[in-house]
Amino acid sequence: MYGQPVAQTYPPQGLAASPYPDAPNLHWGLYLLFSVLTCGLFSVVFTCVQAAWLKKVQPNSNGLIFYIATYVIYVIRAVRSRAATLSMFALMNHHHGFTAAPGAAFAVPLFFLYWALLFTTRFVMRNSLQEHFNTVEPIGLNLNPVMTFFFGGVYFQAELNRINAMKQAARFGAGRAF
């Protein structure tokens, strides 16, 4: 199964003639910086870019579908939260007391659904990446589940950058430094 190291030379010889397009090649530090500067919006977009690339090279990957579902739930949560907050203030202003805002009952289930989908999506992507890079382009990729859980797209990007560097070394000769 995957996760087992593949005995081979560095860089793997099969990568030089790989028919698959290279992964998105943005330094993980820039990914993190842009994500912080855009309050996470860049992360949403770039994880979908990663998932779309993975769908091209690993057609059975469901990462893109899961990421889209995750972010749809996020938007629903944000819209409902905003509407609930506005209606709560309207109720407080009108009745001079606190009354539960309409739609507040959905806040907790949507919160848990979002986080469950996000972590499920990360592990779907992890499995697809490992499947691709241990069968079709065998480099012996073994992604850490703890790093996957906590860092998701940033961790994937760091690993994809490493793989892109290996592909470049295989194309242009192993003597090149990267």
C-alpha atoms as a PDB file:
ATOM      1  CA  MET A   1       0.000   0.000   0.000  1.00  0.00           C
ATOM      2  CA  TYR A   2       1.174   3.572  -0.025  1.00  0.00           C
ATOM      3  CA  GLY A   3       3.271   5.029   2.714  1.00  0.00           C
ATOM      4  CA  GLN A   4       5.977   2.432   2.073  1.00  0.00           C
ATOM      5  CA  PRO A   5       9.262   3.910   0.894  1.00  0.00           C
ATOM      6  CA  VAL A   6      10.149   3.135  -2.685  1.00  0.00           C
ATOM      7  CA  ALA A   7      13.782   2.086  -3.161  1.00  0.00           C
ATOM      8  CA  GLN A   8      15.230   4.192  -5.956  1.00  0.00           C
ATOM      9  CA  THR A   9      17.843   6.755  -6.827  1.00  0.00           C
ATOM     10  CA  TYR A  10      17.421  10.463  -6.284  1.00  0.00           C
ATOM     11  CA  PRO A  11      15.837  12.078  -8.121  1.00  0.00           C
ATOM     12  CA  PRO A  12      13.439   9.367  -9.259  1.00  0.00           C
ATOM     13  CA  GLN A  13      14.140   8.578 -12.894  1.00  0.00           C
ATOM     14  CA  GLY A  14      10.454   8.280 -13.873  1.00  0.00           C
ATOM     15  CA  LEU A  15       9.797  11.897 -12.970  1.00  0.00           C
ATOM     16  CA  ALA A  16      11.918  13.230 -15.825  1.00  0.00           C
ATOM     17  CA  ALA A  17       9.480  11.963 -18.454  1.00  0.00           C
ATOM     18  CA  SER A  18       6.277  12.370 -16.455  1.00  0.00           C
ATOM     19  CA  PRO A  19       3.281  13.153 -18.694  1.00  0.00           C
ATOM     20  CA  TYR A  20       1.511  14.880 -15.792  1.00  0.00           C
ATOM     21  CA  PRO A  21       1.572  18.647 -15.300  1.00  0.00           C
ATOM     22  CA  ASP A  22       3.594  20.006 -12.419  1.00  0.00           C
ATOM     23  CA  ALA A  23       1.745  20.928  -9.263  1.00  0.00           C
ATOM     24  CA  PRO A  24       1.029  24.568  -8.433  1.00  0.00           C
ATOM     25  CA  ASN A  25       4.419  25.993  -7.532  1.00  0.00           C
ATOM     26  CA  LEU A  26       3.999  28.762  -4.974  1.00  0.00           C
ATOM     27  CA  HIS A  27       6.339  28.825  -1.992  1.00  0.00           C
ATOM     28  CA  TRP A  28       4.479  27.710   1.113  1.00  0.00           C
ATOM     29  CA  GLY A  29       5.647  30.840   2.984  1.00  0.00           C
ATOM     30  CA  LEU A  30       3.995  33.074   0.379  1.00  0.00           C
ATOM     31  CA  TYR A  31       0.876  30.890   0.560  1.00  0.00           C
ATOM     32  CA  LEU A  32       0.760  31.477   4.317  1.00  0.00           C
ATOM     33  CA  LEU A  33       1.508  35.209   4.013  1.00  0.00           C
ATOM     34  CA  PHE A  34      -1.161  35.797   1.350  1.00  0.00           C
ATOM     35  CA  SER A  35      -3.658  33.774   3.389  1.00  0.00           C
ATOM     36  CA  VAL A  36      -3.034  35.912   6.481  1.00  0.00           C
ATOM     37  CA  LEU A  37      -3.134  39.186   4.511  1.00  0.00           C
ATOM     38  CA  THR A  38      -6.462  38.264   2.882  1.00  0.00           C
ATOM     39  CA  CYS A  39      -8.013  36.881   6.097  1.00  0.00           C
ATOM     40  CA  GLY A  40      -8.060  33.362   4.659  1.00  0.00           C
ATOM     41  CA  LEU A  41      -9.585  34.153   1.276  1.00  0.00           C
ATOM     42  CA  PHE A  42      -6.359  33.282  -0.567  1.00  0.00           C
ATOM     43  CA  SER A  43      -6.282  29.933   1.223  1.00  0.00           C
ATOM     44  CA  VAL A  44      -9.811  29.160   0.046  1.00  0.00           C
ATOM     45  CA  VAL A  45      -8.928  29.915  -3.552  1.00  0.00           C
ATOM     46  CA  PHE A  46      -5.526  28.225  -3.561  1.00  0.00           C
ATOM     47  CA  THR A  47      -6.723  24.999  -1.920  1.00  0.00           C
ATOM     48  CA  CYS A  48      -9.271  24.780  -4.729  1.00  0.00           C
ATOM     49  CA  VAL A  49      -6.423  25.340  -7.230  1.00  0.00           C
ATOM     50  CA  GLN A  50      -4.497  22.485  -5.591  1.00  0.00           C
ATOM     51  CA  ALA A  51      -7.569  20.242  -5.674  1.00  0.00           C
ATOM     52  CA  ALA A  52      -8.272  21.093  -9.343  1.00  0.00           C
ATOM     53  CA  TRP A  53      -4.676  20.207 -10.263  1.00  0.00           C
ATOM     54  CA  LEU A  54      -4.980  16.950  -8.321  1.00  0.00           C
ATOM     55  CA  LYS A  55      -8.195  16.127 -10.192  1.00  0.00           C
ATOM     56  CA  LYS A  56      -6.231  16.455 -13.477  1.00  0.00           C
ATOM     57  CA  VAL A  57      -3.493  14.051 -12.418  1.00  0.00           C
ATOM     58  CA  GLN A  58      -5.605  11.749 -10.230  1.00  0.00           C
ATOM     59  CA  PRO A  59      -9.081  11.640 -11.848  1.00  0.00           C
ATOM     60  CA  ASN A  60     -10.666   9.655  -9.015  1.00  0.00           C
ATOM     61  CA  SER A  61      -9.830  12.398  -6.483  1.00  0.00           C
ATOM     62  CA  ASN A  62     -12.849  13.978  -4.803  1.00  0.00           C
ATOM     63  CA  GLY A  63     -10.891  16.751  -3.093  1.00  0.00           C
ATOM     64  CA  LEU A  64     -12.287  19.538  -5.268  1.00  0.00           C
ATOM     65  CA  ILE A  65     -15.885  18.490  -4.618  1.00  0.00           C
ATOM     66  CA  PHE A  66     -15.215  18.293  -0.888  1.00  0.00           C
ATOM     67  CA  TYR A  67     -13.489  21.701  -0.805  1.00  0.00           C
ATOM     68  CA  ILE A  68     -16.360  23.322  -2.686  1.00  0.00           C
ATOM     69  CA  ALA A  69     -18.886  21.737  -0.292  1.00  0.00           C
ATOM     70  CA  THR A  70     -16.812  22.903   2.679  1.00  0.00           C
ATOM     71  CA  TYR A  71     -16.709  26.487   1.468  1.00  0.00           C
ATOM     72  CA  VAL A  72     -20.412  26.502   0.568  1.00  0.00           C
ATOM     73  CA  ILE A  73     -21.143  25.525   4.183  1.00  0.00           C
ATOM     74  CA  TYR A  74     -18.767  28.275   5.317  1.00  0.00           C
ATOM     75  CA  VAL A  75     -20.626  30.890   3.262  1.00  0.00           C
ATOM     76  CA  ILE A  76     -24.003  29.655   4.512  1.00  0.00           C
ATOM     77  CA  ARG A  77     -22.673  29.864   8.070  1.00  0.00           C
ATOM     78  CA  ALA A  78     -21.382  33.387   7.517  1.00  0.00           C
ATOM     79  CA  VAL A  79     -24.606  34.620   5.917  1.00  0.00           C
ATOM     80  CA  ARG A  80     -26.821  33.011   8.566  1.00  0.00           C
ATOM     81  CA  SER A  81     -24.579  34.311  11.330  1.00  0.00           C
ATOM     82  CA  ARG A  82     -24.731  37.840   9.949  1.00  0.00           C
ATOM     83  CA  ALA A  83     -28.517  37.646   9.530  1.00  0.00           C
ATOM     84  CA  ALA A  84     -28.932  36.212  13.040  1.00  0.00           C
ATOM     85  CA  THR A  85     -26.753  38.965  14.515  1.00  0.00           C
ATOM     86  CA  LEU A  86     -28.672  41.711  12.744  1.00  0.00           C
ATOM     87  CA  SER A  87     -32.046  40.294  13.758  1.00  0.00           C
ATOM     88  CA  MET A  88     -30.857  39.844  17.356  1.00  0.00           C
ATOM     89  CA  PHE A  89     -29.911  43.524  17.543  1.00  0.00           C
ATOM     90  CA  ALA A  90     -33.235  44.474  16.002  1.00  0.00           C
ATOM     91  CA  LEU A  91     -35.080  42.352  18.575  1.00  0.00           C
ATOM     92  CA  MET A  92     -33.034  43.790  21.445  1.00  0.00           C
ATOM     93  CA  ASN A  93     -33.642  47.331  20.239  1.00  0.00           C
ATOM     94  CA  HIS A  94     -37.345  46.741  19.711  1.00  0.00           C
ATOM     95  CA  HIS A  95     -38.145  44.793  22.896  1.00  0.00           C
ATOM     96  CA  HIS A  96     -35.400  46.134  25.193  1.00  0.00           C
ATOM     97  CA  GLY A  97     -34.489  42.574  26.130  1.00  0.00           C
ATOM     98  CA  PHE A  98     -32.734  39.528  24.802  1.00  0.00           C
ATOM     99  CA  THR A  99     -34.591  37.088  22.597  1.00  0.00           C
ATOM    100  CA  ALA A 100     -33.043  34.238  20.624  1.00  0.00           C
ATOM    101  CA  ALA A 101     -32.452  35.300  17.065  1.00  0.00           C
ATOM    102  CA  PRO A 102     -34.276  33.439  14.323  1.00  0.00           C
ATOM    103  CA  GLY A 103     -32.055  30.791  12.760  1.00  0.00           C
ATOM    104  CA  ALA A 104     -29.752  30.581  15.784  1.00  0.00           C
ATOM    105  CA  ALA A 105     -30.603  26.896  16.156  1.00  0.00           C
ATOM    106  CA  PHE A 106     -28.657  26.160  12.957  1.00  0.00           C
ATOM    107  CA  ALA A 107     -25.478  27.900  14.090  1.00  0.00           C
ATOM    108  CA  VAL A 108     -24.020  25.017  16.105  1.00  0.00           C
ATOM    109  CA  PRO A 109     -24.757  22.224  13.586  1.00  0.00           C
ATOM    110  CA  LEU A 110     -23.339  24.341  10.744  1.00  0.00           C
ATOM    111  CA  PHE A 111     -20.240  25.055  12.825  1.00  0.00           C
ATOM    112  CA  PHE A 112     -19.585  21.352  13.408  1.00  0.00           C
ATOM    113  CA  LEU A 113     -20.500  20.435   9.830  1.00  0.00           C
ATOM    114  CA  TYR A 114     -17.995  22.966   8.472  1.00  0.00           C
ATOM    115  CA  TRP A 115     -15.118  21.707  10.619  1.00  0.00           C
ATOM    116  CA  ALA A 116     -15.955  18.038   9.983  1.00  0.00           C
ATOM    117  CA  LEU A 117     -16.025  18.675   6.227  1.00  0.00           C
ATOM    118  CA  LEU A 118     -12.789  20.665   6.321  1.00  0.00           C
ATOM    119  CA  PHE A 119     -10.843  17.928   8.098  1.00  0.00           C
ATOM    120  CA  THR A 120     -12.440  15.207   5.975  1.00  0.00           C
ATOM    121  CA  THR A 121     -11.427  17.144   2.866  1.00  0.00           C
ATOM    122  CA  ARG A 122      -7.835  17.456   4.035  1.00  0.00           C
ATOM    123  CA  PHE A 123      -7.587  13.707   4.464  1.00  0.00           C
ATOM    124  CA  VAL A 124      -9.302  13.029   1.129  1.00  0.00           C
ATOM    125  CA  MET A 125      -6.644  15.230  -0.495  1.00  0.00           C
ATOM    126  CA  ARG A 126      -3.904  13.499   1.504  1.00  0.00           C
ATOM    127  CA  ASN A 127      -5.058  10.080   0.331  1.00  0.00           C
ATOM    128  CA  SER A 128      -5.279  11.209  -3.306  1.00  0.00           C
ATOM    129  CA  LEU A 129      -1.810  12.790  -3.203  1.00  0.00           C
ATOM    130  CA  GLN A 130      -0.300   9.677  -1.663  1.00  0.00           C
ATOM    131  CA  GLU A 131      -2.099   7.436  -4.145  1.00  0.00           C
ATOM    132  CA  HIS A 132      -0.804   9.437  -7.102  1.00  0.00           C
ATOM    133  CA  PHE A 133       2.768   9.830  -5.876  1.00  0.00           C
ATOM    134  CA  ASN A 134       3.084   6.209  -4.801  1.00  0.00           C
ATOM    135  CA  THR A 135       1.567   4.545  -7.876  1.00  0.00           C
ATOM    136  CA  VAL A 136       1.499   6.699 -11.018  1.00  0.00           C
ATOM    137  CA  GLU A 137       4.563   8.827 -10.199  1.00  0.00           C
ATOM    138  CA  PRO A 138       6.222   6.627  -7.563  1.00  0.00           C
ATOM    139  CA  ILE A 139       8.362   8.792  -5.304  1.00  0.00           C
ATOM    140  CA  GLY A 140       7.345   7.219  -1.990  1.00  0.00           C
ATOM    141  CA  LEU A 141       5.273  10.128  -0.675  1.00  0.00           C
ATOM    142  CA  ASN A 142       4.186   9.708   2.924  1.00  0.00           C
ATOM    143  CA  LEU A 143       2.245  12.710   4.265  1.00  0.00           C
ATOM    144  CA  ASN A 144       2.150  13.163   8.026  1.00  0.00           C
ATOM    145  CA  PRO A 145      -1.445  12.948   9.348  1.00  0.00           C
ATOM    146  CA  VAL A 146      -0.779  15.431  12.189  1.00  0.00           C
ATOM    147  CA  MET A 147       0.635  18.025   9.777  1.00  0.00           C
ATOM    148  CA  THR A 148      -2.303  17.352   7.448  1.00  0.00           C
ATOM    149  CA  PHE A 149      -4.777  17.938  10.277  1.00  0.00           C
ATOM    150  CA  PHE A 150      -3.281  21.197  11.516  1.00  0.00           C
ATOM    151  CA  PHE A 151      -1.822  22.797   8.386  1.00  0.00           C
ATOM    152  CA  GLY A 152      -3.749  21.344   5.412  1.00  0.00           C
ATOM    153  CA  GLY A 153      -3.119  23.345   2.242  1.00  0.00           C
ATOM    154  CA  VAL A 154       0.086  24.986   3.497  1.00  0.00           C
ATOM    155  CA  TYR A 155       1.569  21.565   4.279  1.00  0.00           C
ATOM    156  CA  PHE A 156       0.426  20.165   0.934  1.00  0.00           C
ATOM    157  CA  GLN A 157       2.022  23.118  -0.837  1.00  0.00           C
ATOM    158  CA  ALA A 158       5.345  22.584   0.943  1.00  0.00           C
ATOM    159  CA  GLU A 159       5.321  18.939  -0.171  1.00  0.00           C
ATOM    160  CA  LEU A 160       4.250  19.832  -3.719  1.00  0.00           C
ATOM    161  CA  ASN A 161       7.132  22.322  -3.910  1.00  0.00           C
ATOM    162  CA  ARG A 162       9.535  19.563  -2.841  1.00  0.00           C
ATOM    163  CA  ILE A 163       8.093  17.251  -5.513  1.00  0.00           C
ATOM    164  CA  ASN A 164       8.354  19.988  -8.170  1.00  0.00           C
ATOM    165  CA  ALA A 165      12.007  20.483  -7.214  1.00  0.00           C
ATOM    166  CA  MET A 166      12.579  16.721  -7.616  1.00  0.00           C
ATOM    167  CA  LYS A 167      10.920  16.826 -11.047  1.00  0.00           C
ATOM    168  CA  GLN A 168      13.107  19.762 -12.100  1.00  0.00           C
ATOM    169  CA  ALA A 169      16.222  17.933 -10.915  1.00  0.00           C
ATOM    170  CA  ALA A 170      15.181  14.834 -12.860  1.00  0.00           C
ATOM    171  CA  ARG A 171      14.526  16.865 -16.034  1.00  0.00           C
ATOM    172  CA  PHE A 172      17.724  18.896 -15.959  1.00  0.00           C
ATOM    173  CA  GLY A 173      20.082  16.432 -14.339  1.00  0.00           C
ATOM    174  CA  ALA A 174      20.597  15.412 -10.748  1.00  0.00           C
ATOM    175  CA  GLY A 175      23.719  17.607 -10.488  1.00  0.00           C
ATOM    176  CA  ARG A 176      21.641  20.773 -10.245  1.00  0.00           C
ATOM    177  CA  ALA A 177      20.934  22.194  -6.828  1.00  0.00           C
ATOM    178  CA  PHE A 178      17.463  23.340  -5.952  1.00  0.00           C
END
